[in-house]
Amino acid sequence: MFGKQETITLHVEGMSCGHCSARVKNALEELKSVKRAEVDLEKKEAVVTGKNLDAAELKNVVEEAGYQVI
């Protein structure tokens, strides 16, 4: 309707525990465009699903939470 559902995978550095991955997940899910974020601590990945996703905005939110997207 207002954009196609899409998925973006981010490689996140700096996460060392479950609290870190939860912090990244929560930060991403606060964005209006994000429907769901799944964060895998071992793979150092965040898989974000939503509509009209902006990769730069996702990166900024993760970095504001204290982690690095590479």
Protein backbone atom coordinates (compact mmCIF):
# COMPACT_ATOMS: atom_id res chain seq x y z
CA MET A 1 0.00 0.00 0.00
CA PHE A 2 2.55 2.63 1.14
CA GLY A 3 5.68 0.80 0.12
CA LYS A 4 6.82 -2.74 -0.27
CA GLN A 5 7.95 -4.82 2.70
CA GLU A 6 11.73 -5.17 2.61
CA THR A 7 14.58 -6.60 4.65
CA ILE A 8 17.98 -5.07 5.37
CA THR A 9 20.81 -6.91 7.12
CA LEU A 10 23.32 -4.86 9.11
CA HIS A 11 26.68 -6.11 10.38
CA VAL A 12 26.97 -4.78 13.94
CA GLU A 13 30.26 -4.63 15.85
CA GLY A 14 30.67 -4.06 19.57
CA MET A 15 27.92 -6.31 20.94
CA SER A 16 29.24 -8.62 23.66
CA CYS A 17 26.16 -9.91 25.50
CA GLY A 18 22.42 -10.42 25.38
CA HIS A 19 21.85 -6.97 26.82
CA CYS A 20 23.77 -5.46 23.90
CA SER A 21 21.71 -7.29 21.29
CA ALA A 22 18.48 -6.34 23.09
CA ARG A 23 19.55 -2.70 23.10
CA VAL A 24 20.17 -2.79 19.34
CA LYS A 25 16.84 -4.55 18.73
CA ASN A 26 14.90 -2.04 20.82
CA ALA A 27 16.60 0.95 19.19
CA LEU A 28 15.75 -0.32 15.71
CA GLU A 29 12.17 -1.22 16.59
CA GLU A 30 11.52 2.31 17.85
CA LEU A 31 11.70 3.50 14.24
CA LYS A 32 8.30 3.91 12.60
CA SER A 33 9.41 2.18 9.39
CA VAL A 34 10.62 -0.96 11.22
CA LYS A 35 8.13 -3.77 11.69
CA ARG A 36 10.60 -6.22 13.22
CA ALA A 37 14.29 -6.47 14.08
CA GLU A 38 16.06 -9.73 14.84
CA VAL A 39 19.56 -9.41 16.30
CA ASP A 40 21.99 -12.34 16.35
CA LEU A 41 24.83 -11.82 18.81
CA GLU A 42 27.00 -14.65 17.44
CA LYS A 43 26.66 -13.61 13.80
CA LYS A 44 26.93 -9.92 14.75
CA GLU A 45 23.92 -9.20 12.55
CA ALA A 46 20.69 -7.28 12.75
CA VAL A 47 18.02 -8.30 10.24
CA VAL A 48 15.48 -5.52 9.92
CA THR A 49 12.09 -5.89 8.23
CA GLY A 50 9.74 -3.05 7.42
CA LYS A 51 8.50 -0.65 4.79
CA ASN A 52 10.42 2.25 3.28
CA LEU A 53 13.54 1.35 5.26
CA ASP A 54 16.44 3.80 5.08
CA ALA A 55 19.80 2.05 5.57
CA ALA A 56 21.47 5.28 6.69
CA GLU A 57 18.77 5.86 9.31
CA LEU A 58 19.13 2.29 10.60
CA LYS A 59 22.91 2.73 10.82
CA ASN A 60 22.55 6.01 12.72
CA VAL A 61 20.16 4.49 15.27
CA VAL A 62 22.50 1.57 15.95
CA GLU A 63 25.49 3.90 16.28
CA GLU A 64 23.54 6.21 18.63
CA ALA A 65 22.93 3.11 20.79
CA GLY A 66 26.72 2.74 21.07
CA TYR A 67 27.57 0.13 18.43
CA GLN A 68 29.26 0.22 15.03
CA VAL A 69 27.72 -0.79 11.71
CA ILE A 70 30.25 -1.92 9.12
